[in-house]
Amino acid sequence: MRHLLGGLLGAGCLILAIDALAQSAIPSANPPSTNTPSVPVVQNVTAPAAPVNPSRRFVCRAAAQKFQGQERADQMQLCVEQVRLDCLRQAIDQKVVGPQRRDFVQDCIGE
C-alpha cells in the first residue's frame, strides 16, 4: 500500500514537472510572420474590485443578525417594510404610476 501511494505521488510530481517545463519551453527560433494575427495581451488589474451594491433585503438580513428568535424575525420584517415604504415614497416623488410603480418598488427593494 505504501509503495502504491509513493508511486502515485511520484508519478503526479513527474507529470506536474513535465507540464511546467512544457509551458516554460523556449519558443521556436522562427520569427513570427507579419501576416499572422497578433495574440491579445492580457493585462493584470491592480485596482481593487468595485464594491457590489447589496440589495436592501440583504442589508436588513445583515442588520437582524444580532437578534435571536422572534425578535430577529420582527426586526427583519420591520426593516423590509421600512425599505418598501422608502421605495414607495421614491416612486411617488418620481411620479411612477400603474404597473410600473410595482416593478419600480420591487427593483428598488432588490427582490
PDB file of N, CA and C in Angstrom:
ATOM      1  N   MET A   1       0.822  -1.184   0.000  1.00  0.00           N
ATOM      2  CA  MET A   1       0.000   0.000   0.000  1.00  0.00           C
ATOM      3  C   MET A   1       0.868   1.250   0.000  1.00  0.00           C
ATOM      4  N   ARG A   2       1.966   1.219   0.805  1.00  0.00           N
ATOM      5  CA  ARG A   2       2.861   2.374   0.850  1.00  0.00           C
ATOM      6  C   ARG A   2       3.533   2.598  -0.494  1.00  0.00           C
ATOM      7  N   HIS A   3       3.924   1.507  -1.148  1.00  0.00           N
ATOM      8  CA  HIS A   3       4.607   1.611  -2.432  1.00  0.00           C
ATOM      9  C   HIS A   3       3.668   2.158  -3.498  1.00  0.00           C
ATOM     10  N   LEU A   4       2.419   1.749  -3.427  1.00  0.00           N
ATOM     11  CA  LEU A   4       1.435   2.235  -4.386  1.00  0.00           C
ATOM     12  C   LEU A   4       1.221   3.736  -4.209  1.00  0.00           C
ATOM     13  N   LEU A   5       1.068   4.165  -2.976  1.00  0.00           N
ATOM     14  CA  LEU A   5       0.869   5.578  -2.695  1.00  0.00           C
ATOM     15  C   LEU A   5       2.103   6.388  -3.081  1.00  0.00           C
ATOM     16  N   GLY A   6       3.274   5.889  -2.778  1.00  0.00           N
ATOM     17  CA  GLY A   6       4.513   6.563  -3.156  1.00  0.00           C
ATOM     18  C   GLY A   6       4.675   6.645  -4.664  1.00  0.00           C
ATOM     19  N   GLY A   7       4.322   5.569  -5.358  1.00  0.00           N
ATOM     20  CA  GLY A   7       4.410   5.551  -6.816  1.00  0.00           C
ATOM     21  C   GLY A   7       3.458   6.551  -7.454  1.00  0.00           C
ATOM     22  N   LEU A   8       2.225   6.619  -6.916  1.00  0.00           N
ATOM     23  CA  LEU A   8       1.259   7.580  -7.435  1.00  0.00           C
ATOM     24  C   LEU A   8       1.710   9.008  -7.176  1.00  0.00           C
ATOM     25  N   LEU A   9       2.239   9.258  -6.014  1.00  0.00           N
ATOM     26  CA  LEU A   9       2.724  10.589  -5.671  1.00  0.00           C
ATOM     27  C   LEU A   9       3.895  10.984  -6.556  1.00  0.00           C
ATOM     28  N   GLY A  10       4.804  10.064  -6.791  1.00  0.00           N
ATOM     29  CA  GLY A  10       5.951  10.330  -7.657  1.00  0.00           C
ATOM     30  C   GLY A  10       5.510  10.585  -9.096  1.00  0.00           C
ATOM     31  N   ALA A  11       4.549   9.801  -9.583  1.00  0.00           N
ATOM     32  CA  ALA A  11       4.054   9.987 -10.950  1.00  0.00           C
ATOM     33  C   ALA A  11       3.362  11.336 -11.086  1.00  0.00           C
ATOM     34  N   GLY A  12       2.625  11.714 -10.075  1.00  0.00           N
ATOM     35  CA  GLY A  12       1.952  13.013 -10.112  1.00  0.00           C
ATOM     36  C   GLY A  12       2.941  14.157 -10.155  1.00  0.00           C
ATOM     37  N   CYS A  13       3.985  14.062  -9.352  1.00  0.00           N
ATOM     38  CA  CYS A  13       5.022  15.109  -9.353  1.00  0.00           C
ATOM     39  C   CYS A  13       5.728  15.166 -10.701  1.00  0.00           C
ATOM     40  N   LEU A  14       5.990  14.012 -11.288  1.00  0.00           N
ATOM     41  CA  LEU A  14       6.648  13.969 -12.587  1.00  0.00           C
ATOM     42  C   LEU A  14       5.776  14.612 -13.661  1.00  0.00           C
ATOM     43  N   ILE A  15       4.516  14.331 -13.651  1.00  0.00           N
ATOM     44  CA  ILE A  15       3.591  14.921 -14.627  1.00  0.00           C
ATOM     45  C   ILE A  15       3.546  16.435 -14.465  1.00  0.00           C
ATOM     46  N   LEU A  16       3.470  16.918 -13.231  1.00  0.00           N
ATOM     47  CA  LEU A  16       3.447  18.358 -12.991  1.00  0.00           C
ATOM     48  C   LEU A  16       4.745  19.020 -13.440  1.00  0.00           C
ATOM     49  N   ALA A  17       5.881  18.360 -13.216  1.00  0.00           N
ATOM     50  CA  ALA A  17       7.166  18.915 -13.631  1.00  0.00           C
ATOM     51  C   ALA A  17       7.258  18.989 -15.145  1.00  0.00           C
ATOM     52  N   ILE A  18       6.792  17.964 -15.841  1.00  0.00           N
ATOM     53  CA  ILE A  18       6.821  17.972 -17.307  1.00  0.00           C
ATOM     54  C   ILE A  18       5.905  19.070 -17.841  1.00  0.00           C
ATOM     55  N   ASP A  19       4.741  19.225 -17.233  1.00  0.00           N
ATOM     56  CA  ASP A  19       3.810  20.266 -17.659  1.00  0.00           C
ATOM     57  C   ASP A  19       4.418  21.653 -17.456  1.00  0.00           C
ATOM     58  N   ALA A  20       5.074  21.867 -16.333  1.00  0.00           N
ATOM     59  CA  ALA A  20       5.706  23.169 -16.066  1.00  0.00           C
ATOM     60  C   ALA A  20       6.826  23.443 -17.059  1.00  0.00           C
ATOM     61  N   LEU A  21       7.621  22.426 -17.388  1.00  0.00           N
ATOM     62  CA  LEU A  21       8.691  22.596 -18.367  1.00  0.00           C
ATOM     63  C   LEU A  21       8.128  22.879 -19.755  1.00  0.00           C
ATOM     64  N   ALA A  22       7.036  22.242 -20.104  1.00  0.00           N
ATOM     65  CA  ALA A  22       6.437  22.451 -21.421  1.00  0.00           C
ATOM     66  C   ALA A  22       5.897  23.874 -21.552  1.00  0.00           C
ATOM     67  N   GLN A  23       5.384  24.426 -20.485  1.00  0.00           N
ATOM     68  CA  GLN A  23       4.857  25.783 -20.531  1.00  0.00           C
ATOM     69  C   GLN A  23       5.966  26.816 -20.587  1.00  0.00           C
ATOM     70  N   SER A  24       7.112  26.520 -19.998  1.00  0.00           N
ATOM     71  CA  SER A  24       8.192  27.489 -19.968  1.00  0.00           C
ATOM     72  C   SER A  24       9.230  27.229 -21.053  1.00  0.00           C
ATOM     73  N   ALA A  25       8.947  26.313 -21.961  1.00  0.00           N
ATOM     74  CA  ALA A  25       9.908  25.987 -23.024  1.00  0.00           C
ATOM     75  C   ALA A  25      10.110  27.195 -23.929  1.00  0.00           C
ATOM     76  N   ILE A  26      11.315  27.298 -24.478  1.00  0.00           N
ATOM     77  CA  ILE A  26      11.655  28.404 -25.368  1.00  0.00           C
ATOM     78  C   ILE A  26      10.915  28.198 -26.679  1.00  0.00           C
ATOM     79  N   PRO A  27      10.255  29.253 -27.197  1.00  0.00           N
ATOM     80  CA  PRO A  27       9.533  29.089 -28.457  1.00  0.00           C
ATOM     81  C   PRO A  27      10.510  28.849 -29.598  1.00  0.00           C
ATOM     82  N   SER A  28      10.003  28.401 -30.708  1.00  0.00           N
ATOM     83  CA  SER A  28      10.860  28.079 -31.851  1.00  0.00           C
ATOM     84  C   SER A  28      11.646  29.302 -32.309  1.00  0.00           C
ATOM     85  N   ALA A  29      12.776  29.055 -32.978  1.00  0.00           N
ATOM     86  CA  ALA A  29      13.661  30.129 -33.401  1.00  0.00           C
ATOM     87  C   ALA A  29      13.118  30.879 -34.597  1.00  0.00           C
ATOM     88  N   ASN A  30      12.047  30.400 -35.242  1.00  0.00           N
ATOM     89  CA  ASN A  30      11.494  31.086 -36.398  1.00  0.00           C
ATOM     90  C   ASN A  30      10.822  32.380 -35.937  1.00  0.00           C
ATOM     91  N   PRO A  31      11.159  33.512 -36.571  1.00  0.00           N
ATOM     92  CA  PRO A  31      10.486  34.755 -36.194  1.00  0.00           C
ATOM     93  C   PRO A  31       9.041  34.709 -36.664  1.00  0.00           C
ATOM     94  N   PRO A  32       8.141  35.314 -35.917  1.00  0.00           N
ATOM     95  CA  PRO A  32       6.735  35.284 -36.327  1.00  0.00           C
ATOM     96  C   PRO A  32       6.542  36.074 -37.615  1.00  0.00           C
ATOM     97  N   SER A  33       5.708  35.555 -38.481  1.00  0.00           N
ATOM     98  CA  SER A  33       5.462  36.248 -39.742  1.00  0.00           C
ATOM     99  C   SER A  33       4.566  37.452 -39.481  1.00  0.00           C
ATOM    100  N   THR A  34       4.613  38.402 -40.377  1.00  0.00           N
ATOM    101  CA  THR A  34       3.868  39.650 -40.183  1.00  0.00           C
ATOM    102  C   THR A  34       2.407  39.510 -40.537  1.00  0.00           C
ATOM    103  N   ASN A  35       2.017  38.468 -41.254  1.00  0.00           N
ATOM    104  CA  ASN A  35       0.613  38.340 -41.648  1.00  0.00           C
ATOM    105  C   ASN A  35      -0.204  37.484 -40.679  1.00  0.00           C
ATOM    106  N   THR A  36       0.369  37.011 -39.596  1.00  0.00           N
ATOM    107  CA  THR A  36      -0.389  36.252 -38.603  1.00  0.00           C
ATOM    108  C   THR A  36      -1.028  37.221 -37.622  1.00  0.00           C
ATOM    109  N   PRO A  37      -2.239  36.917 -37.175  1.00  0.00           N
ATOM    110  CA  PRO A  37      -2.890  37.819 -36.225  1.00  0.00           C
ATOM    111  C   PRO A  37      -2.138  37.830 -34.896  1.00  0.00           C
ATOM    112  N   SER A  38      -2.100  38.983 -34.286  1.00  0.00           N
ATOM    113  CA  SER A  38      -1.379  39.100 -33.022  1.00  0.00           C
ATOM    114  C   SER A  38      -2.201  38.499 -31.881  1.00  0.00           C
ATOM    115  N   VAL A  39      -1.515  38.016 -30.915  1.00  0.00           N
ATOM    116  CA  VAL A  39      -2.144  37.430 -29.739  1.00  0.00           C
ATOM    117  C   VAL A  39      -2.527  38.574 -28.800  1.00  0.00           C
ATOM    118  N   PRO A  40      -3.768  38.609 -28.304  1.00  0.00           N
ATOM    119  CA  PRO A  40      -4.143  39.696 -27.405  1.00  0.00           C
ATOM    120  C   PRO A  40      -3.322  39.645 -26.118  1.00  0.00           C
ATOM    121  N   VAL A  41      -2.986  40.790 -25.615  1.00  0.00           N
ATOM    122  CA  VAL A  41      -2.184  40.898 -24.409  1.00  0.00           C
ATOM    123  C   VAL A  41      -3.124  40.920 -23.205  1.00  0.00           C
ATOM    124  N   VAL A  42      -2.836  40.099 -22.238  1.00  0.00           N
ATOM    125  CA  VAL A  42      -3.622  40.056 -21.014  1.00  0.00           C
ATOM    126  C   VAL A  42      -3.018  41.046 -20.032  1.00  0.00           C
ATOM    127  N   GLN A  43      -3.856  41.918 -19.506  1.00  0.00           N
ATOM    128  CA  GLN A  43      -3.374  42.918 -18.561  1.00  0.00           C
ATOM    129  C   GLN A  43      -3.775  42.517 -17.148  1.00  0.00           C
ATOM    130  N   ASN A  44      -2.878  42.747 -16.226  1.00  0.00           N
ATOM    131  CA  ASN A  44      -3.176  42.498 -14.826  1.00  0.00           C
ATOM    132  C   ASN A  44      -3.851  43.729 -14.252  1.00  0.00           C
ATOM    133  N   VAL A  45      -4.945  43.525 -13.564  1.00  0.00           N
ATOM    134  CA  VAL A  45      -5.668  44.620 -12.950  1.00  0.00           C
ATOM    135  C   VAL A  45      -5.207  44.728 -11.507  1.00  0.00           C
ATOM    136  N   THR A  46      -4.674  45.885 -11.151  1.00  0.00           N
ATOM    137  CA  THR A  46      -4.197  46.066  -9.788  1.00  0.00           C
ATOM    138  C   THR A  46      -5.166  46.881  -8.947  1.00  0.00           C
ATOM    139  N   ALA A  47      -6.179  47.481  -9.575  1.00  0.00           N
ATOM    140  CA  ALA A  47      -7.151  48.277  -8.824  1.00  0.00           C
ATOM    141  C   ALA A  47      -8.071  47.343  -8.045  1.00  0.00           C
ATOM    142  N   PRO A  48      -8.551  47.780  -6.893  1.00  0.00           N
ATOM    143  CA  PRO A  48      -9.472  46.934  -6.137  1.00  0.00           C
ATOM    144  C   PRO A  48     -10.796  46.792  -6.891  1.00  0.00           C
ATOM    145  N   ALA A  49     -11.488  45.702  -6.631  1.00  0.00           N
ATOM    146  CA  ALA A  49     -12.759  45.451  -7.292  1.00  0.00           C
ATOM    147  C   ALA A  49     -13.789  46.483  -6.852  1.00  0.00           C
ATOM    148  N   ALA A  50     -14.683  46.813  -7.757  1.00  0.00           N
ATOM    149  CA  ALA A  50     -15.742  47.764  -7.434  1.00  0.00           C
ATOM    150  C   ALA A  50     -16.670  47.126  -6.408  1.00  0.00           C
ATOM    151  N   PRO A  51     -17.116  47.883  -5.422  1.00  0.00           N
ATOM    152  CA  PRO A  51     -17.986  47.301  -4.410  1.00  0.00           C
ATOM    153  C   PRO A  51     -19.337  46.921  -5.004  1.00  0.00           C
ATOM    154  N   VAL A  52     -19.865  45.808  -4.545  1.00  0.00           N
ATOM    155  CA  VAL A  52     -21.153  45.335  -5.020  1.00  0.00           C
ATOM    156  C   VAL A  52     -22.234  45.999  -4.180  1.00  0.00           C
ATOM    157  N   ASN A  53     -23.239  46.516  -4.861  1.00  0.00           N
ATOM    158  CA  ASN A  53     -24.336  47.163  -4.153  1.00  0.00           C
ATOM    159  C   ASN A  53     -25.304  46.083  -3.692  1.00  0.00           C
ATOM    160  N   PRO A  54     -25.296  45.744  -2.415  1.00  0.00           N
ATOM    161  CA  PRO A  54     -26.173  44.675  -1.944  1.00  0.00           C
ATOM    162  C   PRO A  54     -27.628  45.120  -1.983  1.00  0.00           C
ATOM    163  N   SER A  55     -28.534  44.163  -2.143  1.00  0.00           N
ATOM    164  CA  SER A  55     -29.944  44.501  -2.132  1.00  0.00           C
ATOM    165  C   SER A  55     -30.319  44.981  -0.739  1.00  0.00           C
ATOM    166  N   ARG A  56     -31.361  45.730  -0.689  1.00  0.00           N
ATOM    167  CA  ARG A  56     -31.782  46.279   0.605  1.00  0.00           C
ATOM    168  C   ARG A  56     -32.267  45.173   1.535  1.00  0.00           C
ATOM    169  N   ARG A  57     -32.824  44.133   0.952  1.00  0.00           N
ATOM    170  CA  ARG A  57     -33.254  42.991   1.766  1.00  0.00           C
ATOM    171  C   ARG A  57     -32.047  42.333   2.428  1.00  0.00           C
ATOM    172  N   PHE A  58     -30.947  42.241   1.700  1.00  0.00           N
ATOM    173  CA  PHE A  58     -29.722  41.686   2.260  1.00  0.00           C
ATOM    174  C   PHE A  58     -29.213  42.553   3.404  1.00  0.00           C
ATOM    175  N   VAL A  59     -29.309  43.866   3.245  1.00  0.00           N
ATOM    176  CA  VAL A  59     -28.893  44.787   4.310  1.00  0.00           C
ATOM    177  C   VAL A  59     -29.749  44.563   5.550  1.00  0.00           C
ATOM    178  N   CYS A  60     -31.050  44.374   5.366  1.00  0.00           N
ATOM    179  CA  CYS A  60     -31.940  44.108   6.500  1.00  0.00           C
ATOM    180  C   CYS A  60     -31.568  42.790   7.182  1.00  0.00           C
ATOM    181  N   ARG A  61     -31.258  41.789   6.374  1.00  0.00           N
ATOM    182  CA  ARG A  61     -30.888  40.483   6.937  1.00  0.00           C
ATOM    183  C   ARG A  61     -29.616  40.606   7.759  1.00  0.00           C
ATOM    184  N   ALA A  62     -28.667  41.374   7.252  1.00  0.00           N
ATOM    185  CA  ALA A  62     -27.407  41.557   7.977  1.00  0.00           C
ATOM    186  C   ALA A  62     -27.636  42.324   9.274  1.00  0.00           C
ATOM    187  N   ALA A  63     -28.528  43.302   9.246  1.00  0.00           N
ATOM    188  CA  ALA A  63     -28.796  44.087  10.444  1.00  0.00           C
ATOM    189  C   ALA A  63     -29.527  43.271  11.511  1.00  0.00           C
ATOM    190  N   ALA A  64     -30.314  42.285  11.080  1.00  0.00           N
ATOM    191  CA  ALA A  64     -31.079  41.482  12.031  1.00  0.00           C
ATOM    192  C   ALA A  64     -30.268  40.330  12.614  1.00  0.00           C
ATOM    193  N   GLN A  65     -29.038  40.129  12.166  1.00  0.00           N
ATOM    194  CA  GLN A  65     -28.227  39.007  12.628  1.00  0.00           C
ATOM    195  C   GLN A  65     -27.937  39.059  14.124  1.00  0.00           C
ATOM    196  N   LYS A  66     -27.916  40.248  14.691  1.00  0.00           N
ATOM    197  CA  LYS A  66     -27.564  40.351  16.107  1.00  0.00           C
ATOM    198  C   LYS A  66     -28.703  39.957  17.034  1.00  0.00           C
ATOM    199  N   PHE A  67     -29.902  39.726  16.478  1.00  0.00           N
ATOM    200  CA  PHE A  67     -31.046  39.335  17.294  1.00  0.00           C
ATOM    201  C   PHE A  67     -31.280  37.838  17.181  1.00  0.00           C
ATOM    202  N   GLN A  68     -32.090  37.300  18.090  1.00  0.00           N
ATOM    203  CA  GLN A  68     -32.382  35.864  18.114  1.00  0.00           C
ATOM    204  C   GLN A  68     -33.886  35.636  18.118  1.00  0.00           C
ATOM    205  N   GLY A  69     -34.313  34.539  17.528  1.00  0.00           N
ATOM    206  CA  GLY A  69     -35.691  34.083  17.602  1.00  0.00           C
ATOM    207  C   GLY A  69     -36.690  35.044  16.990  1.00  0.00           C
ATOM    208  N   GLN A  70     -37.793  35.241  17.729  1.00  0.00           N
ATOM    209  CA  GLN A  70     -38.888  36.081  17.239  1.00  0.00           C
ATOM    210  C   GLN A  70     -38.456  37.534  17.077  1.00  0.00           C
ATOM    211  N   GLU A  71     -37.558  37.993  17.947  1.00  0.00           N
ATOM    212  CA  GLU A  71     -37.078  39.369  17.832  1.00  0.00           C
ATOM    213  C   GLU A  71     -36.338  39.584  16.510  1.00  0.00           C
ATOM    214  N   ARG A  72     -35.604  38.580  16.076  1.00  0.00           N
ATOM    215  CA  ARG A  72     -34.906  38.663  14.788  1.00  0.00           C
ATOM    216  C   ARG A  72     -35.909  38.752  13.641  1.00  0.00           C
ATOM    217  N   ALA A  73     -36.945  37.916  13.671  1.00  0.00           N
ATOM    218  CA  ALA A  73     -37.975  37.937  12.630  1.00  0.00           C
ATOM    219  C   ALA A  73     -38.698  39.276  12.614  1.00  0.00           C
ATOM    220  N   ASP A  74     -38.999  39.807  13.806  1.00  0.00           N
ATOM    221  CA  ASP A  74     -39.686  41.106  13.891  1.00  0.00           C
ATOM    222  C   ASP A  74     -38.818  42.223  13.328  1.00  0.00           C
ATOM    223  N   GLN A  75     -37.541  42.241  13.675  1.00  0.00           N
ATOM    224  CA  GLN A  75     -36.635  43.274  13.171  1.00  0.00           C
ATOM    225  C   GLN A  75     -36.491  43.182  11.658  1.00  0.00           C
ATOM    226  N   MET A  76     -36.416  41.969  11.143  1.00  0.00           N
ATOM    227  CA  MET A  76     -36.307  41.763   9.705  1.00  0.00           C
ATOM    228  C   MET A  76     -37.552  42.286   8.998  1.00  0.00           C
ATOM    229  N   GLN A  77     -38.726  41.966   9.539  1.00  0.00           N
ATOM    230  CA  GLN A  77     -39.976  42.405   8.923  1.00  0.00           C
ATOM    231  C   GLN A  77     -40.107  43.928   8.978  1.00  0.00           C
ATOM    232  N   LEU A  78     -39.755  44.521  10.111  1.00  0.00           N
ATOM    233  CA  LEU A  78     -39.805  45.982  10.223  1.00  0.00           C
ATOM    234  C   LEU A  78     -38.860  46.652   9.228  1.00  0.00           C
ATOM    235  N   CYS A  79     -37.673  46.132   9.107  1.00  0.00           N
ATOM    236  CA  CYS A  79     -36.691  46.712   8.206  1.00  0.00           C
ATOM    237  C   CYS A  79     -37.157  46.617   6.754  1.00  0.00           C
ATOM    238  N   VAL A  80     -37.660  45.458   6.348  1.00  0.00           N
ATOM    239  CA  VAL A  80     -38.119  45.273   4.972  1.00  0.00           C
ATOM    240  C   VAL A  80     -39.301  46.187   4.674  1.00  0.00           C
ATOM    241  N   GLU A  81     -40.208  46.317   5.615  1.00  0.00           N
ATOM    242  CA  GLU A  81     -41.355  47.207   5.399  1.00  0.00           C
ATOM    243  C   GLU A  81     -40.926  48.668   5.335  1.00  0.00           C
ATOM    244  N   GLN A  82     -39.924  49.048   6.114  1.00  0.00           N
ATOM    245  CA  GLN A  82     -39.396  50.411   6.053  1.00  0.00           C
ATOM    246  C   GLN A  82     -38.750  50.669   4.694  1.00  0.00           C
ATOM    247  N   VAL A  83     -38.029  49.686   4.188  1.00  0.00           N
ATOM    248  CA  VAL A  83     -37.421  49.807   2.866  1.00  0.00           C
ATOM    249  C   VAL A  83     -38.502  49.919   1.805  1.00  0.00           C
ATOM    250  N   ARG A  84     -39.548  49.095   1.908  1.00  0.00           N
ATOM    251  CA  ARG A  84     -40.655  49.144   0.950  1.00  0.00           C
ATOM    252  C   ARG A  84     -41.317  50.514   0.963  1.00  0.00           C
ATOM    253  N   LEU A  85     -41.520  51.076   2.149  1.00  0.00           N
ATOM    254  CA  LEU A  85     -42.122  52.403   2.278  1.00  0.00           C
ATOM    255  C   LEU A  85     -41.213  53.473   1.663  1.00  0.00           C
ATOM    256  N   ASP A  86     -39.915  53.370   1.894  1.00  0.00           N
ATOM    257  CA  ASP A  86     -38.973  54.324   1.301  1.00  0.00           C
ATOM    258  C   ASP A  86     -38.996  54.246  -0.223  1.00  0.00           C
ATOM    259  N   CYS A  87     -39.061  53.024  -0.764  1.00  0.00           N
ATOM    260  CA  CYS A  87     -39.114  52.854  -2.209  1.00  0.00           C
ATOM    261  C   CYS A  87     -40.428  53.381  -2.781  1.00  0.00           C
ATOM    262  N   LEU A  88     -41.526  53.178  -2.053  1.00  0.00           N
ATOM    263  CA  LEU A  88     -42.810  53.700  -2.496  1.00  0.00           C
ATOM    264  C   LEU A  88     -42.801  55.221  -2.514  1.00  0.00           C
ATOM    265  N   ARG A  89     -42.212  55.829  -1.491  1.00  0.00           N
ATOM    266  CA  ARG A  89     -42.094  57.294  -1.466  1.00  0.00           C
ATOM    267  C   ARG A  89     -41.269  57.785  -2.651  1.00  0.00           C
ATOM    268  N   GLN A  90     -40.195  57.068  -2.966  1.00  0.00           N
ATOM    269  CA  GLN A  90     -39.351  57.436  -4.093  1.00  0.00           C
ATOM    270  C   GLN A  90     -40.136  57.327  -5.406  1.00  0.00           C
ATOM    271  N   ALA A  91     -40.950  56.289  -5.551  1.00  0.00           N
ATOM    272  CA  ALA A  91     -41.767  56.121  -6.753  1.00  0.00           C
ATOM    273  C   ALA A  91     -42.797  57.239  -6.871  1.00  0.00           C
ATOM    274  N   ILE A  92     -43.389  57.636  -5.751  1.00  0.00           N
ATOM    275  CA  ILE A  92     -44.367  58.719  -5.763  1.00  0.00           C
ATOM    276  C   ILE A  92     -43.693  60.037  -6.125  1.00  0.00           C
ATOM    277  N   ASP A  93     -42.501  60.278  -5.570  1.00  0.00           N
ATOM    278  CA  ASP A  93     -41.773  61.501  -5.893  1.00  0.00           C
ATOM    279  C   ASP A  93     -41.423  61.572  -7.377  1.00  0.00           C
ATOM    280  N   GLN A  94     -41.140  60.425  -7.980  1.00  0.00           N
ATOM    281  CA  GLN A  94     -40.792  60.379  -9.394  1.00  0.00           C
ATOM    282  C   GLN A  94     -42.026  60.239 -10.280  1.00  0.00           C
ATOM    283  N   LYS A  95     -43.213  60.242  -9.643  1.00  0.00           N
ATOM    284  CA  LYS A  95     -44.497  60.165 -10.336  1.00  0.00           C
ATOM    285  C   LYS A  95     -44.621  58.905 -11.205  1.00  0.00           C
ATOM    286  N   VAL A  96     -44.173  57.780 -10.664  1.00  0.00           N
ATOM    287  CA  VAL A  96     -44.306  56.489 -11.336  1.00  0.00           C
ATOM    288  C   VAL A  96     -45.669  55.934 -10.944  1.00  0.00           C
ATOM    289  N   VAL A  97     -46.487  55.534 -11.944  1.00  0.00           N
ATOM    290  CA  VAL A  97     -47.842  55.051 -11.664  1.00  0.00           C
ATOM    291  C   VAL A  97     -48.077  53.710 -12.338  1.00  0.00           C
ATOM    292  N   GLY A  98     -49.173  53.062 -11.946  1.00  0.00           N
ATOM    293  CA  GLY A  98     -49.600  51.819 -12.577  1.00  0.00           C
ATOM    294  C   GLY A  98     -48.677  50.649 -12.290  1.00  0.00           C
ATOM    295  N   PRO A  99     -48.638  49.705 -13.215  1.00  0.00           N
ATOM    296  CA  PRO A  99     -47.792  48.525 -13.033  1.00  0.00           C
ATOM    297  C   PRO A  99     -46.305  48.874 -12.947  1.00  0.00           C
ATOM    298  N   GLN A 100     -45.929  49.989 -13.557  1.00  0.00           N
ATOM    299  CA  GLN A 100     -44.536  50.417 -13.483  1.00  0.00           C
ATOM    300  C   GLN A 100     -44.138  50.726 -12.046  1.00  0.00           C
ATOM    301  N   ARG A 101     -45.095  51.202 -11.240  1.00  0.00           N
ATOM    302  CA  ARG A 101     -44.789  51.505  -9.836  1.00  0.00           C
ATOM    303  C   ARG A 101     -44.439  50.226  -9.084  1.00  0.00           C
ATOM    304  N   ARG A 102     -45.242  49.181  -9.315  1.00  0.00           N
ATOM    305  CA  ARG A 102     -44.967  47.900  -8.647  1.00  0.00           C
ATOM    306  C   ARG A 102     -43.587  47.379  -9.043  1.00  0.00           C
ATOM    307  N   ASP A 103     -43.286  47.432 -10.328  1.00  0.00           N
ATOM    308  CA  ASP A 103     -41.969  46.987 -10.800  1.00  0.00           C
ATOM    309  C   ASP A 103     -40.858  47.855 -10.221  1.00  0.00           C
ATOM    310  N   PHE A 104     -41.106  49.162 -10.144  1.00  0.00           N
ATOM    311  CA  PHE A 104     -40.100  50.085  -9.588  1.00  0.00           C
ATOM    312  C   PHE A 104     -39.808  49.742  -8.135  1.00  0.00           C
ATOM    313  N   VAL A 105     -40.860  49.509  -7.357  1.00  0.00           N
ATOM    314  CA  VAL A 105     -40.684  49.203  -5.931  1.00  0.00           C
ATOM    315  C   VAL A 105     -39.948  47.877  -5.766  1.00  0.00           C
ATOM    316  N   GLN A 106     -40.296  46.868  -6.558  1.00  0.00           N
ATOM    317  CA  GLN A 106     -39.616  45.573  -6.451  1.00  0.00           C
ATOM    318  C   GLN A 106     -38.146  45.700  -6.836  1.00  0.00           C
ATOM    319  N   ASP A 107     -37.855  46.452  -7.890  1.00  0.00           N
ATOM    320  CA  ASP A 107     -36.457  46.656  -8.284  1.00  0.00           C
ATOM    321  C   ASP A 107     -35.704  47.443  -7.227  1.00  0.00           C
ATOM    322  N   CYS A 108     -36.371  48.419  -6.615  1.00  0.00           N
ATOM    323  CA  CYS A 108     -35.741  49.244  -5.593  1.00  0.00           C
ATOM    324  C   CYS A 108     -35.372  48.397  -4.364  1.00  0.00           C
ATOM    325  N   ILE A 109     -36.255  47.502  -4.002  1.00  0.00           N
ATOM    326  CA  ILE A 109     -36.012  46.646  -2.828  1.00  0.00           C
ATOM    327  C   ILE A 109     -34.924  45.631  -3.134  1.00  0.00           C
ATOM    328  N   GLY A 110     -34.871  45.182  -4.357  1.00  0.00           N
ATOM    329  CA  GLY A 110     -33.868  44.198  -4.738  1.00  0.00           C
ATOM    330  C   GLY A 110     -34.380  42.784  -4.686  1.00  0.00           C
ATOM    331  N   GLU A 111     -35.663  42.606  -4.909  1.00  0.00           N
ATOM    332  CA  GLU A 111     -36.256  41.260  -4.882  1.00  0.00           C
ATOM    333  C   GLU A 111     -35.981  40.553  -6.174  1.00  0.00           C
TER     334      GLU A 111
END
